[in-house]
Amino acid sequence: MVIKKNVGCIDLHRITGFLSITSEAAVESTQANADQVFVNGGVYTMNQTMPWAEAVAVQDGIVVAVGGNSEISEYIGDATTVTDLEGKMLLPAFHDAHAHPIWSGIDHFEVSCFWFSKH
């Protein structure tokens, strides 16, 4: 009788171990695919612990992952747009926060007198 209890205990551990492995795999497989992925680049992260990366995954306009090509490839699905940076540099979320677009066309409404010369 004691032997049967130990065998049952071993089976319980095997089942528990199997369920923990399969539940972890299920969690990984439910990871959302990115809308856009940038690979094969020099991604400057501005993070001191990891200043450079190779790839970026973007979902709904938000950077969801930054890392190596192999890590980010997990975010690629059938509908993902993959952009090969071909070694070029990428600065995520880099934009000009101060601009004066009106001045780009205002010169067309002014008279330029620079062509006059002094004699």
PDB file of N, CA and C in Angstrom:
ATOM      1  N   MET A   1       0.809  -1.198   0.000  1.00  0.00           N
ATOM      2  CA  MET A   1       0.000   0.000   0.000  1.00  0.00           C
ATOM      3  C   MET A   1       0.854   1.266   0.000  1.00  0.00           C
ATOM      4  N   VAL A   2       1.930   1.249   0.716  1.00  0.00           N
ATOM      5  CA  VAL A   2       2.826   2.405   0.768  1.00  0.00           C
ATOM      6  C   VAL A   2       3.433   2.664  -0.603  1.00  0.00           C
ATOM      7  N   ILE A   3       3.772   1.625  -1.317  1.00  0.00           N
ATOM      8  CA  ILE A   3       4.362   1.766  -2.647  1.00  0.00           C
ATOM      9  C   ILE A   3       3.380   2.443  -3.594  1.00  0.00           C
ATOM     10  N   LYS A   4       2.119   2.072  -3.543  1.00  0.00           N
ATOM     11  CA  LYS A   4       1.124   2.675  -4.423  1.00  0.00           C
ATOM     12  C   LYS A   4       0.962   4.168  -4.136  1.00  0.00           C
ATOM     13  N   LYS A   5       1.021   4.563  -2.875  1.00  0.00           N
ATOM     14  CA  LYS A   5       0.905   5.982  -2.542  1.00  0.00           C
ATOM     15  C   LYS A   5       2.081   6.765  -3.127  1.00  0.00           C
ATOM     16  N   ASN A   6       3.273   6.226  -3.063  1.00  0.00           N
ATOM     17  CA  ASN A   6       4.445   6.901  -3.624  1.00  0.00           C
ATOM     18  C   ASN A   6       4.342   7.016  -5.139  1.00  0.00           C
ATOM     19  N   VAL A   7       3.846   5.963  -5.788  1.00  0.00           N
ATOM     20  CA  VAL A   7       3.672   6.003  -7.240  1.00  0.00           C
ATOM     21  C   VAL A   7       2.661   7.070  -7.610  1.00  0.00           C
ATOM     22  N   GLY A   8       1.582   7.162  -6.857  1.00  0.00           N
ATOM     23  CA  GLY A   8       0.574   8.195  -7.105  1.00  0.00           C
ATOM     24  C   GLY A   8       1.145   9.586  -6.916  1.00  0.00           C
ATOM     25  N   CYS A   9       1.995   9.742  -5.936  1.00  0.00           N
ATOM     26  CA  CYS A   9       2.643  11.027  -5.673  1.00  0.00           C
ATOM     27  C   CYS A   9       3.564  11.406  -6.830  1.00  0.00           C
ATOM     28  N   ILE A  10       4.306  10.441  -7.356  1.00  0.00           N
ATOM     29  CA  ILE A  10       5.188  10.687  -8.499  1.00  0.00           C
ATOM     30  C   ILE A  10       4.365  11.083  -9.716  1.00  0.00           C
ATOM     31  N   ASP A  11       3.252  10.396  -9.960  1.00  0.00           N
ATOM     32  CA  ASP A  11       2.385  10.745 -11.085  1.00  0.00           C
ATOM     33  C   ASP A  11       1.819  12.153 -10.931  1.00  0.00           C
ATOM     34  N   LEU A  12       1.453  12.517  -9.716  1.00  0.00           N
ATOM     35  CA  LEU A  12       0.939  13.857  -9.466  1.00  0.00           C
ATOM     36  C   LEU A  12       1.999  14.915  -9.797  1.00  0.00           C
ATOM     37  N   HIS A  13       3.249  14.645  -9.425  1.00  0.00           N
ATOM     38  CA  HIS A  13       4.331  15.578  -9.750  1.00  0.00           C
ATOM     39  C   HIS A  13       4.552  15.666 -11.258  1.00  0.00           C
ATOM     40  N   ARG A  14       4.443  14.549 -11.941  1.00  0.00           N
ATOM     41  CA  ARG A  14       4.610  14.556 -13.405  1.00  0.00           C
ATOM     42  C   ARG A  14       3.502  15.365 -14.065  1.00  0.00           C
ATOM     43  N   ILE A  15       2.284  15.170 -13.618  1.00  0.00           N
ATOM     44  CA  ILE A  15       1.152  15.899 -14.202  1.00  0.00           C
ATOM     45  C   ILE A  15       1.292  17.397 -13.920  1.00  0.00           C
ATOM     46  N   THR A  16       1.646  17.738 -12.695  1.00  0.00           N
ATOM     47  CA  THR A  16       1.830  19.146 -12.334  1.00  0.00           C
ATOM     48  C   THR A  16       2.944  19.777 -13.168  1.00  0.00           C
ATOM     49  N   GLY A  17       4.044  19.059 -13.322  1.00  0.00           N
ATOM     50  CA  GLY A  17       5.144  19.562 -14.141  1.00  0.00           C
ATOM     51  C   GLY A  17       4.737  19.758 -15.588  1.00  0.00           C
ATOM     52  N   PHE A  18       3.997  18.802 -16.130  1.00  0.00           N
ATOM     53  CA  PHE A  18       3.530  18.899 -17.516  1.00  0.00           C
ATOM     54  C   PHE A  18       2.598  20.092 -17.691  1.00  0.00           C
ATOM     55  N   LEU A  19       1.679  20.284 -16.755  1.00  0.00           N
ATOM     56  CA  LEU A  19       0.746  21.401 -16.856  1.00  0.00           C
ATOM     57  C   LEU A  19       1.459  22.747 -16.764  1.00  0.00           C
ATOM     58  N   SER A  20       2.482  22.826 -15.923  1.00  0.00           N
ATOM     59  CA  SER A  20       3.209  24.095 -15.817  1.00  0.00           C
ATOM     60  C   SER A  20       3.963  24.409 -17.106  1.00  0.00           C
ATOM     61  N   ILE A  21       4.493  23.393 -17.758  1.00  0.00           N
ATOM     62  CA  ILE A  21       5.197  23.604 -19.029  1.00  0.00           C
ATOM     63  C   ILE A  21       4.219  24.021 -20.115  1.00  0.00           C
ATOM     64  N   THR A  22       3.088  23.346 -20.224  1.00  0.00           N
ATOM     65  CA  THR A  22       2.125  23.669 -21.277  1.00  0.00           C
ATOM     66  C   THR A  22       1.457  25.008 -21.030  1.00  0.00           C
ATOM     67  N   SER A  23       1.220  25.382 -19.776  1.00  0.00           N
ATOM     68  CA  SER A  23       0.605  26.682 -19.517  1.00  0.00           C
ATOM     69  C   SER A  23       1.574  27.809 -19.858  1.00  0.00           C
ATOM     70  N   GLU A  24       2.880  27.608 -19.634  1.00  0.00           N
ATOM     71  CA  GLU A  24       3.878  28.608 -20.012  1.00  0.00           C
ATOM     72  C   GLU A  24       3.929  28.758 -21.524  1.00  0.00           C
ATOM     73  N   ALA A  25       3.861  27.664 -22.245  1.00  0.00           N
ATOM     74  CA  ALA A  25       3.857  27.720 -23.708  1.00  0.00           C
ATOM     75  C   ALA A  25       2.610  28.429 -24.209  1.00  0.00           C
ATOM     76  N   ALA A  26       1.489  28.218 -23.531  1.00  0.00           N
ATOM     77  CA  ALA A  26       0.252  28.878 -23.941  1.00  0.00           C
ATOM     78  C   ALA A  26       0.351  30.384 -23.739  1.00  0.00           C
ATOM     79  N   VAL A  27       0.995  30.821 -22.674  1.00  0.00           N
ATOM     80  CA  VAL A  27       1.169  32.248 -22.429  1.00  0.00           C
ATOM     81  C   VAL A  27       2.044  32.862 -23.511  1.00  0.00           C
ATOM     82  N   GLU A  28       3.130  32.188 -23.882  1.00  0.00           N
ATOM     83  CA  GLU A  28       4.015  32.713 -24.918  1.00  0.00           C
ATOM     84  C   GLU A  28       3.310  32.784 -26.268  1.00  0.00           C
ATOM     85  N   SER A  29       2.455  31.822 -26.563  1.00  0.00           N
ATOM     86  CA  SER A  29       1.810  31.807 -27.872  1.00  0.00           C
ATOM     87  C   SER A  29       0.716  32.859 -27.989  1.00  0.00           C
ATOM     88  N   THR A  30       0.232  33.406 -26.851  1.00  0.00           N
ATOM     89  CA  THR A  30      -0.799  34.435 -26.911  1.00  0.00           C
ATOM     90  C   THR A  30      -0.205  35.833 -27.051  1.00  0.00           C
ATOM     91  N   GLN A  31       1.112  35.949 -27.152  1.00  0.00           N
ATOM     92  CA  GLN A  31       1.767  37.240 -27.329  1.00  0.00           C
ATOM     93  C   GLN A  31       1.255  37.885 -28.605  1.00  0.00           C
ATOM     94  N   ALA A  32       0.868  39.142 -28.510  1.00  0.00           N
ATOM     95  CA  ALA A  32       0.319  39.844 -29.664  1.00  0.00           C
ATOM     96  C   ALA A  32       1.405  40.115 -30.699  1.00  0.00           C
ATOM     97  N   ASN A  33       1.038  39.989 -31.952  1.00  0.00           N
ATOM     98  CA  ASN A  33       1.962  40.319 -33.031  1.00  0.00           C
ATOM     99  C   ASN A  33       2.020  41.831 -33.192  1.00  0.00           C
ATOM    100  N   ALA A  34       3.168  42.316 -33.564  1.00  0.00           N
ATOM    101  CA  ALA A  34       3.357  43.752 -33.767  1.00  0.00           C
ATOM    102  C   ALA A  34       2.772  44.175 -35.105  1.00  0.00           C
ATOM    103  N   ASP A  35       2.383  45.443 -35.188  1.00  0.00           N
ATOM    104  CA  ASP A  35       1.915  46.002 -36.456  1.00  0.00           C
ATOM    105  C   ASP A  35       3.091  46.235 -37.395  1.00  0.00           C
ATOM    106  N   GLN A  36       4.206  46.682 -36.818  1.00  0.00           N
ATOM    107  CA  GLN A  36       5.395  46.973 -37.614  1.00  0.00           C
ATOM    108  C   GLN A  36       6.637  46.573 -36.832  1.00  0.00           C
ATOM    109  N   VAL A  37       7.606  46.012 -37.550  1.00  0.00           N
ATOM    110  CA  VAL A  37       8.874  45.604 -36.955  1.00  0.00           C
ATOM    111  C   VAL A  37      10.003  46.153 -37.819  1.00  0.00           C
ATOM    112  N   PHE A  38      10.992  46.744 -37.167  1.00  0.00           N
ATOM    113  CA  PHE A  38      12.188  47.242 -37.833  1.00  0.00           C
ATOM    114  C   PHE A  38      13.341  46.334 -37.433  1.00  0.00           C
ATOM    115  N   VAL A  39      14.060  45.784 -38.418  1.00  0.00           N
ATOM    116  CA  VAL A  39      15.144  44.835 -38.144  1.00  0.00           C
ATOM    117  C   VAL A  39      16.433  45.270 -38.839  1.00  0.00           C
ATOM    118  N   ASN A  40      17.536  44.647 -38.438  1.00  0.00           N
ATOM    119  CA  ASN A  40      18.854  44.831 -39.071  1.00  0.00           C
ATOM    120  C   ASN A  40      19.335  46.275 -39.056  1.00  0.00           C
ATOM    121  N   GLY A  41      19.105  46.962 -37.945  1.00  0.00           N
ATOM    122  CA  GLY A  41      19.523  48.351 -37.875  1.00  0.00           C
ATOM    123  C   GLY A  41      20.379  48.635 -36.669  1.00  0.00           C
ATOM    124  N   GLY A  42      20.799  49.860 -36.593  1.00  0.00           N
ATOM    125  CA  GLY A  42      21.459  50.361 -35.401  1.00  0.00           C
ATOM    126  C   GLY A  42      20.453  51.215 -34.662  1.00  0.00           C
ATOM    127  N   VAL A  43      19.797  50.643 -33.671  1.00  0.00           N
ATOM    128  CA  VAL A  43      18.742  51.340 -32.939  1.00  0.00           C
ATOM    129  C   VAL A  43      19.354  51.953 -31.682  1.00  0.00           C
ATOM    130  N   TYR A  44      19.392  53.276 -31.635  1.00  0.00           N
ATOM    131  CA  TYR A  44      19.908  53.963 -30.453  1.00  0.00           C
ATOM    132  C   TYR A  44      18.760  54.123 -29.471  1.00  0.00           C
ATOM    133  N   THR A  45      18.870  53.470 -28.312  1.00  0.00           N
ATOM    134  CA  THR A  45      17.758  53.405 -27.364  1.00  0.00           C
ATOM    135  C   THR A  45      17.746  54.534 -26.345  1.00  0.00           C
ATOM    136  N   MET A  46      18.859  55.245 -26.176  1.00  0.00           N
ATOM    137  CA  MET A  46      19.004  56.284 -25.160  1.00  0.00           C
ATOM    138  C   MET A  46      18.825  55.715 -23.752  1.00  0.00           C
ATOM    139  N   ASN A  47      19.109  54.432 -23.590  1.00  0.00           N
ATOM    140  CA  ASN A  47      19.051  53.734 -22.309  1.00  0.00           C
ATOM    141  C   ASN A  47      20.478  53.320 -21.958  1.00  0.00           C
ATOM    142  N   GLN A  48      20.988  53.760 -20.821  1.00  0.00           N
ATOM    143  CA  GLN A  48      22.383  53.497 -20.471  1.00  0.00           C
ATOM    144  C   GLN A  48      22.686  52.014 -20.311  1.00  0.00           C
ATOM    145  N   THR A  49      21.725  51.216 -19.872  1.00  0.00           N
ATOM    146  CA  THR A  49      21.983  49.788 -19.690  1.00  0.00           C
ATOM    147  C   THR A  49      22.032  49.041 -21.011  1.00  0.00           C
ATOM    148  N   MET A  50      21.342  49.533 -22.036  1.00  0.00           N
ATOM    149  CA  MET A  50      21.380  48.926 -23.365  1.00  0.00           C
ATOM    150  C   MET A  50      21.283  50.050 -24.397  1.00  0.00           C
ATOM    151  N   PRO A  51      22.400  50.729 -24.690  1.00  0.00           N
ATOM    152  CA  PRO A  51      22.340  51.882 -25.583  1.00  0.00           C
ATOM    153  C   PRO A  51      22.049  51.544 -27.042  1.00  0.00           C
ATOM    154  N   TRP A  52      22.375  50.343 -27.480  1.00  0.00           N
ATOM    155  CA  TRP A  52      22.159  49.969 -28.880  1.00  0.00           C
ATOM    156  C   TRP A  52      21.387  48.663 -28.979  1.00  0.00           C
ATOM    157  N   ALA A  53      20.551  48.559 -30.003  1.00  0.00           N
ATOM    158  CA  ALA A  53      19.810  47.332 -30.299  1.00  0.00           C
ATOM    159  C   ALA A  53      19.773  47.160 -31.811  1.00  0.00           C
ATOM    160  N   GLU A  54      19.264  46.013 -32.258  1.00  0.00           N
ATOM    161  CA  GLU A  54      19.176  45.729 -33.700  1.00  0.00           C
ATOM    162  C   GLU A  54      17.774  45.898 -34.257  1.00  0.00           C
ATOM    163  N   ALA A  55      16.756  45.748 -33.392  1.00  0.00           N
ATOM    164  CA  ALA A  55      15.387  45.698 -33.899  1.00  0.00           C
ATOM    165  C   ALA A  55      14.397  46.308 -32.913  1.00  0.00           C
ATOM    166  N   VAL A  56      13.224  46.703 -33.450  1.00  0.00           N
ATOM    167  CA  VAL A  56      12.152  47.311 -32.658  1.00  0.00           C
ATOM    168  C   VAL A  56      10.818  46.757 -33.137  1.00  0.00           C
ATOM    169  N   ALA A  57       9.918  46.477 -32.188  1.00  0.00           N
ATOM    170  CA  ALA A  57       8.552  46.056 -32.515  1.00  0.00           C
ATOM    171  C   ALA A  57       7.588  47.146 -32.063  1.00  0.00           C
ATOM    172  N   VAL A  58       6.627  47.496 -32.933  1.00  0.00           N
ATOM    173  CA  VAL A  58       5.656  48.554 -32.650  1.00  0.00           C
ATOM    174  C   VAL A  58       4.250  47.983 -32.766  1.00  0.00           C
ATOM    175  N   GLN A  59       3.419  48.227 -31.744  1.00  0.00           N
ATOM    176  CA  GLN A  59       2.024  47.771 -31.736  1.00  0.00           C
ATOM    177  C   GLN A  59       1.143  48.968 -31.397  1.00  0.00           C
ATOM    178  N   ASP A  60       0.196  49.293 -32.261  1.00  0.00           N
ATOM    179  CA  ASP A  60      -0.724  50.420 -32.055  1.00  0.00           C
ATOM    180  C   ASP A  60       0.020  51.729 -31.794  1.00  0.00           C
ATOM    181  N   GLY A  61       1.126  51.955 -32.496  1.00  0.00           N
ATOM    182  CA  GLY A  61       1.887  53.183 -32.368  1.00  0.00           C
ATOM    183  C   GLY A  61       2.774  53.268 -31.147  1.00  0.00           C
ATOM    184  N   ILE A  62       2.891  52.183 -30.396  1.00  0.00           N
ATOM    185  CA  ILE A  62       3.703  52.159 -29.182  1.00  0.00           C
ATOM    186  C   ILE A  62       4.820  51.142 -29.345  1.00  0.00           C
ATOM    187  N   VAL A  63       6.038  51.527 -28.977  1.00  0.00           N
ATOM    188  CA  VAL A  63       7.164  50.594 -29.011  1.00  0.00           C
ATOM    189  C   VAL A  63       6.947  49.572 -27.903  1.00  0.00           C
ATOM    190  N   VAL A  64       6.766  48.294 -28.293  1.00  0.00           N
ATOM    191  CA  VAL A  64       6.494  47.240 -27.311  1.00  0.00           C
ATOM    192  C   VAL A  64       7.719  46.388 -27.008  1.00  0.00           C
ATOM    193  N   ALA A  65       8.723  46.413 -27.876  1.00  0.00           N
ATOM    194  CA  ALA A  65       9.921  45.607 -27.632  1.00  0.00           C
ATOM    195  C   ALA A  65      11.101  46.187 -28.395  1.00  0.00           C
ATOM    196  N   VAL A  66      12.257  46.144 -27.741  1.00  0.00           N
ATOM    197  CA  VAL A  66      13.515  46.571 -28.343  1.00  0.00           C
ATOM    198  C   VAL A  66      14.543  45.511 -28.007  1.00  0.00           C
ATOM    199  N   GLY A  67      15.302  45.067 -29.007  1.00  0.00           N
ATOM    200  CA  GLY A  67      16.303  44.043 -28.734  1.00  0.00           C
ATOM    201  C   GLY A  67      16.995  43.578 -29.991  1.00  0.00           C
ATOM    202  N   GLY A  68      17.461  42.340 -29.956  1.00  0.00           N
ATOM    203  CA  GLY A  68      18.125  41.744 -31.106  1.00  0.00           C
ATOM    204  C   GLY A  68      17.126  41.248 -32.136  1.00  0.00           C
ATOM    205  N   ASN A  69      17.618  40.976 -33.335  1.00  0.00           N
ATOM    206  CA  ASN A  69      16.744  40.487 -34.406  1.00  0.00           C
ATOM    207  C   ASN A  69      16.006  39.216 -34.008  1.00  0.00           C
ATOM    208  N   SER A  70      16.699  38.285 -33.359  1.00  0.00           N
ATOM    209  CA  SER A  70      16.067  37.015 -32.992  1.00  0.00           C
ATOM    210  C   SER A  70      14.981  37.215 -31.940  1.00  0.00           C
ATOM    211  N   GLU A  71      15.193  38.121 -30.998  1.00  0.00           N
ATOM    212  CA  GLU A  71      14.178  38.395 -29.976  1.00  0.00           C
ATOM    213  C   GLU A  71      12.930  39.026 -30.585  1.00  0.00           C
ATOM    214  N   ILE A  72      13.131  39.987 -31.440  1.00  0.00           N
ATOM    215  CA  ILE A  72      12.018  40.738 -32.008  1.00  0.00           C
ATOM    216  C   ILE A  72      11.288  39.933 -33.076  1.00  0.00           C
ATOM    217  N   SER A  73      11.933  38.936 -33.659  1.00  0.00           N
ATOM    218  CA  SER A  73      11.264  38.110 -34.676  1.00  0.00           C
ATOM    219  C   SER A  73      10.051  37.385 -34.103  1.00  0.00           C
ATOM    220  N   GLU A  74       9.994  37.217 -32.777  1.00  0.00           N
ATOM    221  CA  GLU A  74       8.838  36.586 -32.136  1.00  0.00           C
ATOM    222  C   GLU A  74       7.579  37.437 -32.267  1.00  0.00           C
ATOM    223  N   TYR A  75       7.720  38.713 -32.555  1.00  0.00           N
ATOM    224  CA  TYR A  75       6.585  39.624 -32.687  1.00  0.00           C
ATOM    225  C   TYR A  75       6.060  39.706 -34.119  1.00  0.00           C
ATOM    226  N   ILE A  76       6.691  39.008 -35.041  1.00  0.00           N
ATOM    227  CA  ILE A  76       6.296  39.073 -36.446  1.00  0.00           C
ATOM    228  C   ILE A  76       5.194  38.066 -36.723  1.00  0.00           C
ATOM    229  N   GLY A  77       4.083  38.562 -37.270  1.00  0.00           N
ATOM    230  CA  GLY A  77       2.964  37.715 -37.657  1.00  0.00           C
ATOM    231  C   GLY A  77       2.641  37.912 -39.125  1.00  0.00           C
ATOM    232  N   ASP A  78       1.538  37.334 -39.573  1.00  0.00           N
ATOM    233  CA  ASP A  78       1.150  37.432 -40.982  1.00  0.00           C
ATOM    234  C   ASP A  78       0.846  38.868 -41.406  1.00  0.00           C
ATOM    235  N   ALA A  79       0.292  39.676 -40.508  1.00  0.00           N
ATOM    236  CA  ALA A  79      -0.097  41.044 -40.856  1.00  0.00           C
ATOM    237  C   ALA A  79       0.960  42.078 -40.473  1.00  0.00           C
ATOM    238  N   THR A  80       2.104  41.641 -39.986  1.00  0.00           N
ATOM    239  CA  THR A  80       3.158  42.562 -39.550  1.00  0.00           C
ATOM    240  C   THR A  80       3.936  43.100 -40.747  1.00  0.00           C
ATOM    241  N   THR A  81       4.124  44.407 -40.790  1.00  0.00           N
ATOM    242  CA  THR A  81       4.970  45.032 -41.800  1.00  0.00           C
ATOM    243  C   THR A  81       6.400  45.024 -41.276  1.00  0.00           C
ATOM    244  N   VAL A  82       7.291  44.365 -41.994  1.00  0.00           N
ATOM    245  CA  VAL A  82       8.692  44.257 -41.581  1.00  0.00           C
ATOM    246  C   VAL A  82       9.533  45.182 -42.457  1.00  0.00           C
ATOM    247  N   THR A  83      10.260  46.085 -41.817  1.00  0.00           N
ATOM    248  CA  THR A  83      11.131  47.018 -42.518  1.00  0.00           C
ATOM    249  C   THR A  83      12.583  46.661 -42.219  1.00  0.00           C
ATOM    250  N   ASP A  84      13.335  46.338 -43.266  1.00  0.00           N
ATOM    251  CA  ASP A  84      14.759  46.039 -43.124  1.00  0.00           C
ATOM    252  C   ASP A  84      15.523  47.359 -43.179  1.00  0.00           C
ATOM    253  N   LEU A  85      16.143  47.728 -42.081  1.00  0.00           N
ATOM    254  CA  LEU A  85      16.872  48.993 -42.009  1.00  0.00           C
ATOM    255  C   LEU A  85      18.211  48.955 -42.733  1.00  0.00           C
ATOM    256  N   GLU A  86      18.662  47.774 -43.109  1.00  0.00           N
ATOM    257  CA  GLU A  86      19.908  47.594 -43.857  1.00  0.00           C
ATOM    258  C   GLU A  86      21.080  48.307 -43.186  1.00  0.00           C
ATOM    259  N   GLY A  87      21.158  48.213 -41.868  1.00  0.00           N
ATOM    260  CA  GLY A  87      22.263  48.805 -41.129  1.00  0.00           C
ATOM    261  C   GLY A  87      22.124  50.279 -40.814  1.00  0.00           C
ATOM    262  N   LYS A  88      21.050  50.900 -41.274  1.00  0.00           N
ATOM    263  CA  LYS A  88      20.855  52.329 -41.007  1.00  0.00           C
ATOM    264  C   LYS A  88      20.436  52.547 -39.554  1.00  0.00           C
ATOM    265  N   MET A  89      20.575  53.786 -39.098  1.00  0.00           N
ATOM    266  CA  MET A  89      20.272  54.123 -37.709  1.00  0.00           C
ATOM    267  C   MET A  89      18.801  54.471 -37.538  1.00  0.00           C
ATOM    268  N   LEU A  90      18.237  54.076 -36.394  1.00  0.00           N
ATOM    269  CA  LEU A  90      16.843  54.375 -36.061  1.00  0.00           C
ATOM    270  C   LEU A  90      16.800  55.020 -34.684  1.00  0.00           C
ATOM    271  N   LEU A  91      16.093  56.141 -34.587  1.00  0.00           N
ATOM    272  CA  LEU A  91      15.889  56.824 -33.314  1.00  0.00           C
ATOM    273  C   LEU A  91      14.398  56.781 -33.002  1.00  0.00           C
ATOM    274  N   PRO A  92      13.932  55.818 -32.235  1.00  0.00           N
ATOM    275  CA  PRO A  92      12.497  55.731 -31.931  1.00  0.00           C
ATOM    276  C   PRO A  92      11.996  56.974 -31.195  1.00  0.00           C
ATOM    277  N   ALA A  93      10.845  57.468 -31.612  1.00  0.00           N
ATOM    278  CA  ALA A  93      10.151  58.599 -30.993  1.00  0.00           C
ATOM    279  C   ALA A  93      10.948  59.896 -31.057  1.00  0.00           C
ATOM    280  N   PHE A  94      11.821  60.023 -32.026  1.00  0.00           N
ATOM    281  CA  PHE A  94      12.589  61.253 -32.192  1.00  0.00           C
ATOM    282  C   PHE A  94      11.797  62.179 -33.103  1.00  0.00           C
ATOM    283  N   HIS A  95      11.434  63.348 -32.606  1.00  0.00           N
ATOM    284  CA  HIS A  95      10.670  64.288 -33.420  1.00  0.00           C
ATOM    285  C   HIS A  95      11.021  65.715 -33.033  1.00  0.00           C
ATOM    286  N   ASP A  96      10.725  66.633 -33.919  1.00  0.00           N
ATOM    287  CA  ASP A  96      10.974  68.045 -33.663  1.00  0.00           C
ATOM    288  C   ASP A  96       9.791  68.601 -32.884  1.00  0.00           C
ATOM    289  N   ALA A  97      10.023  69.008 -31.662  1.00  0.00           N
ATOM    290  CA  ALA A  97       8.942  69.489 -30.809  1.00  0.00           C
ATOM    291  C   ALA A  97       8.692  70.989 -30.969  1.00  0.00           C
ATOM    292  N   HIS A  98       9.522  71.665 -31.749  1.00  0.00           N
ATOM    293  CA  HIS A  98       9.368  73.106 -31.913  1.00  0.00           C
ATOM    294  C   HIS A  98       9.626  73.461 -33.376  1.00  0.00           C
ATOM    295  N   ALA A  99       8.604  73.926 -34.055  1.00  0.00           N
ATOM    296  CA  ALA A  99       8.752  74.267 -35.469  1.00  0.00           C
ATOM    297  C   ALA A  99       7.904  75.494 -35.797  1.00  0.00           C
ATOM    298  N   HIS A 100       8.285  76.190 -36.863  1.00  0.00           N
ATOM    299  CA  HIS A 100       7.538  77.340 -37.361  1.00  0.00           C
ATOM    300  C   HIS A 100       7.232  77.104 -38.838  1.00  0.00           C
ATOM    301  N   PRO A 101       6.258  76.270 -39.149  1.00  0.00           N
ATOM    302  CA  PRO A 101       6.004  75.943 -40.555  1.00  0.00           C
ATOM    303  C   PRO A 101       5.541  77.132 -41.386  1.00  0.00           C
ATOM    304  N   ILE A 102       4.950  78.146 -40.761  1.00  0.00           N
ATOM    305  CA  ILE A 102       4.477  79.298 -41.524  1.00  0.00           C
ATOM    306  C   ILE A 102       5.629  80.043 -42.185  1.00  0.00           C
ATOM    307  N   TRP A 103       6.810  80.028 -41.553  1.00  0.00           N
ATOM    308  CA  TRP A 103       7.944  80.763 -42.099  1.00  0.00           C
ATOM    309  C   TRP A 103       8.507  80.125 -43.358  1.00  0.00           C
ATOM    310  N   SER A 104       8.189  78.890 -43.620  1.00  0.00           N
ATOM    311  CA  SER A 104       8.738  78.247 -44.819  1.00  0.00           C
ATOM    312  C   SER A 104       8.157  78.826 -46.101  1.00  0.00           C
ATOM    313  N   GLY A 105       6.976  79.416 -46.051  1.00  0.00           N
ATOM    314  CA  GLY A 105       6.371  79.968 -47.258  1.00  0.00           C
ATOM    315  C   GLY A 105       6.234  81.471 -47.255  1.00  0.00           C
ATOM    316  N   ILE A 106       6.515  82.115 -46.141  1.00  0.00           N
ATOM    317  CA  ILE A 106       6.315  83.561 -46.035  1.00  0.00           C
ATOM    318  C   ILE A 106       7.246  84.344 -46.958  1.00  0.00           C
ATOM    319  N   ASP A 107       8.415  83.793 -47.254  1.00  0.00           N
ATOM    320  CA  ASP A 107       9.373  84.480 -48.132  1.00  0.00           C
ATOM    321  C   ASP A 107       8.818  84.714 -49.528  1.00  0.00           C
ATOM    322  N   HIS A 108       7.859  83.931 -49.951  1.00  0.00           N
ATOM    323  CA  HIS A 108       7.296  84.087 -51.291  1.00  0.00           C
ATOM    324  C   HIS A 108       6.423  85.343 -51.405  1.00  0.00           C
ATOM    325  N   PHE A 109       6.052  85.932 -50.288  1.00  0.00           N
ATOM    326  CA  PHE A 109       5.212  87.126 -50.307  1.00  0.00           C
ATOM    327  C   PHE A 109       6.006  88.405 -50.037  1.00  0.00           C
ATOM    328  N   GLU A 110       7.311  88.301 -49.953  1.00  0.00           N
ATOM    329  CA  GLU A 110       8.160  89.454 -49.698  1.00  0.00           C
ATOM    330  C   GLU A 110       8.947  89.818 -50.957  1.00  0.00           C
ATOM    331  N   VAL A 111       9.377  91.050 -51.007  1.00  0.00           N
ATOM    332  CA  VAL A 111      10.216  91.503 -52.111  1.00  0.00           C
ATOM    333  C   VAL A 111      11.667  91.394 -51.667  1.00  0.00           C
ATOM    334  N   SER A 112      12.453  90.715 -52.471  1.00  0.00           N
ATOM    335  CA  SER A 112      13.865  90.572 -52.156  1.00  0.00           C
ATOM    336  C   SER A 112      14.646  91.693 -52.822  1.00  0.00           C
ATOM    337  N   CYS A 113      15.387  92.422 -52.038  1.00  0.00           N
ATOM    338  CA  CYS A 113      16.201  93.521 -52.559  1.00  0.00           C
ATOM    339  C   CYS A 113      17.685  93.175 -52.578  1.00  0.00           C
ATOM    340  N   PHE A 114      17.993  91.939 -52.365  1.00  0.00           N
ATOM    341  CA  PHE A 114      19.393  91.539 -52.313  1.00  0.00           C
ATOM    342  C   PHE A 114      20.068  91.571 -53.678  1.00  0.00           C
ATOM    343  N   TRP A 115      19.327  91.627 -54.745  1.00  0.00           N
ATOM    344  CA  TRP A 115      19.945  91.613 -56.061  1.00  0.00           C
ATOM    345  C   TRP A 115      20.466  92.985 -56.456  1.00  0.00           C
ATOM    346  N   PHE A 116      20.047  94.051 -55.703  1.00  0.00           N
ATOM    347  CA  PHE A 116      20.599  95.378 -55.983  1.00  0.00           C
ATOM    348  C   PHE A 116      22.054  95.422 -55.550  1.00  0.00           C
ATOM    349  N   SER A 117      22.855  96.040 -56.343  1.00  0.00           N
ATOM    350  CA  SER A 117      24.264  96.184 -55.969  1.00  0.00           C
ATOM    351  C   SER A 117      24.610  97.663 -55.846  1.00  0.00           C
ATOM    352  N   LYS A 118      25.593  97.957 -55.046  1.00  0.00           N
ATOM    353  CA  LYS A 118      26.038  99.344 -54.887  1.00  0.00           C
ATOM    354  C   LYS A 118      27.007  99.680 -56.019  1.00  0.00           C
ATOM    355  N   HIS A 119      26.836 100.852 -56.616  1.00  0.00           N
ATOM    356  CA  HIS A 119      27.752 101.306 -57.671  1.00  0.00           C
ATOM    357  C   HIS A 119      28.495 102.507 -57.227  1.00  0.00           C
TER     358      HIS A 119
END
